[in-house]
Amino acid sequence: SAIGYREVMTLDKASDVSPGQTVTEVSPDVRLVHGEDADGATRYRVYVRCKIAGTPAQQESEVPIEGLMTDTLTGDTDARVHLTHLLHSAKVVANAFDCANKPVVPEEPPAPSA
């Protein structure tokens, strides 16, 4: 099941996020969730708050842009590689939607904490 942006924004441990997943605040409008889902598959998700002109208040928080990536082909285990591709795709989509709030989607995920 999908994780709502609001849950990702405020979660400590939201019910939709498995214990094996990591949530990273990239910017006020962008969140990354990655790691092993409850079914054992490793997935990478991005949520971008994107206000579409003419939509109801809070639309950008309740219906964000969501990207999902599952890699079963490359065997690459570096989360940064997958998250960088996902952020690039999210940036392209956010630009195409011409988000009124102008979310800042970076080129790559933040450096891991030491």
Protein backbone atom coordinates (compact mmCIF):
# COMPACT_ATOMS: atom_id res chain seq x y z
CA SER A 1 0.00 0.00 0.00
CA ALA A 2 1.16 3.53 -0.70
CA ILE A 3 2.37 5.85 2.01
CA GLY A 4 0.67 9.24 2.13
CA TYR A 5 2.96 12.25 2.17
CA ARG A 6 1.43 13.48 5.43
CA GLU A 7 2.31 10.15 7.09
CA VAL A 8 5.85 10.39 5.76
CA MET A 9 6.13 14.01 6.93
CA THR A 10 5.08 13.27 10.50
CA LEU A 11 5.99 9.65 11.02
CA ASP A 12 8.14 8.15 13.63
CA LYS A 13 6.90 4.71 12.66
CA ALA A 14 3.83 4.96 10.44
CA SER A 15 2.00 1.68 9.94
CA ASP A 16 2.78 1.68 6.21
CA VAL A 17 6.55 1.91 6.74
CA SER A 18 8.30 -1.37 7.53
CA PRO A 19 10.97 -1.45 10.25
CA GLY A 20 13.57 -2.20 7.55
CA GLN A 21 12.89 1.08 5.74
CA THR A 22 14.58 4.44 6.07
CA VAL A 23 12.77 7.78 5.74
CA THR A 24 14.89 10.77 4.70
CA GLU A 25 13.76 14.39 4.59
CA VAL A 26 15.53 15.76 1.55
CA SER A 27 13.87 19.18 1.60
CA PRO A 28 10.60 20.60 3.00
CA ASP A 29 8.84 19.28 -0.13
CA VAL A 30 10.69 16.01 -0.77
CA ARG A 31 10.88 12.75 1.21
CA LEU A 32 12.61 9.48 0.36
CA VAL A 33 11.57 6.10 1.76
CA HIS A 34 13.70 3.08 0.98
CA GLY A 35 14.55 -0.35 2.21
CA GLU A 36 12.90 -3.69 2.63
CA ASP A 37 9.09 -3.72 2.55
CA ALA A 38 7.00 -6.08 4.66
CA ASP A 39 7.00 -8.56 1.74
CA GLY A 40 10.81 -8.70 1.72
CA ALA A 41 11.31 -6.71 -1.51
CA THR A 42 13.61 -3.70 -1.50
CA ARG A 43 11.81 -0.63 -2.81
CA TYR A 44 12.73 3.00 -3.26
CA ARG A 45 10.06 5.73 -3.07
CA VAL A 46 10.05 9.47 -3.47
CA TYR A 47 7.24 11.84 -2.46
CA VAL A 48 7.15 15.40 -3.79
CA ARG A 49 4.72 18.02 -2.55
CA CYS A 50 3.45 19.59 -5.79
CA LYS A 51 0.65 22.16 -5.72
CA ILE A 52 -1.32 21.98 -8.97
CA ALA A 53 -3.06 25.23 -9.94
CA GLY A 54 -6.82 25.15 -9.40
CA THR A 55 -6.83 22.25 -6.92
CA PRO A 56 -8.29 22.34 -3.38
CA ALA A 57 -6.26 23.51 -0.40
CA GLN A 58 -3.85 20.90 0.95
CA GLN A 59 -3.84 18.96 -2.34
CA GLU A 60 -0.05 19.03 -2.42
CA SER A 61 0.15 17.26 0.96
CA GLU A 62 -2.73 14.84 0.45
CA VAL A 63 -2.03 13.90 -3.18
CA PRO A 64 1.71 14.36 -3.76
CA ILE A 65 3.73 13.12 -6.67
CA GLU A 66 4.85 9.61 -5.77
CA GLY A 67 7.62 7.68 -7.48
CA LEU A 68 8.35 3.99 -6.87
CA MET A 69 11.35 1.99 -8.01
CA THR A 70 12.08 -1.70 -7.59
CA ASP A 71 15.31 -3.02 -9.10
CA THR A 72 15.45 -6.73 -9.76
CA LEU A 73 17.73 -6.54 -12.78
CA THR A 74 21.01 -4.83 -11.99
CA GLY A 75 21.89 -6.42 -8.67
CA ASP A 76 23.18 -3.01 -7.56
CA THR A 77 22.80 -2.75 -3.79
CA ASP A 78 23.87 0.90 -3.42
CA ALA A 79 20.75 2.79 -2.33
CA ARG A 80 22.29 6.12 -3.44
CA VAL A 81 22.41 4.94 -7.06
CA HIS A 82 18.73 4.02 -7.03
CA LEU A 83 17.68 7.14 -5.13
CA THR A 84 19.62 9.38 -7.52
CA HIS A 85 17.72 7.89 -10.48
CA LEU A 86 14.44 8.26 -8.60
CA LEU A 87 15.12 11.91 -7.72
CA HIS A 88 15.98 12.67 -11.36
CA SER A 89 12.67 11.18 -12.48
CA ALA A 90 10.78 13.08 -9.76
CA LYS A 91 12.41 16.35 -10.83
CA VAL A 92 11.38 15.79 -14.46
CA VAL A 93 7.79 15.05 -13.42
CA ALA A 94 7.59 18.03 -11.02
CA ASN A 95 8.87 20.33 -13.78
CA ALA A 96 6.32 18.88 -16.23
CA PHE A 97 3.47 19.52 -13.76
CA ASP A 98 4.70 23.11 -13.26
CA CYS A 99 4.12 22.90 -9.51
CA ALA A 100 2.94 26.23 -8.12
CA ASN A 101 4.96 25.73 -4.91
CA LYS A 102 8.17 25.14 -6.93
CA PRO A 103 9.50 22.15 -4.94
CA VAL A 104 13.27 21.84 -4.79
CA VAL A 105 14.13 18.33 -5.97
CA PRO A 106 17.90 17.80 -5.71
CA GLU A 107 20.06 15.91 -8.18
CA GLU A 108 21.08 13.34 -5.56
CA PRO A 109 20.13 12.25 -2.04
CA PRO A 110 21.82 13.87 0.95
CA ALA A 111 25.11 12.37 2.10
CA PRO A 112 24.64 9.54 4.60
CA SER A 113 24.94 10.48 8.26
CA ALA A 114 28.17 9.44 9.86
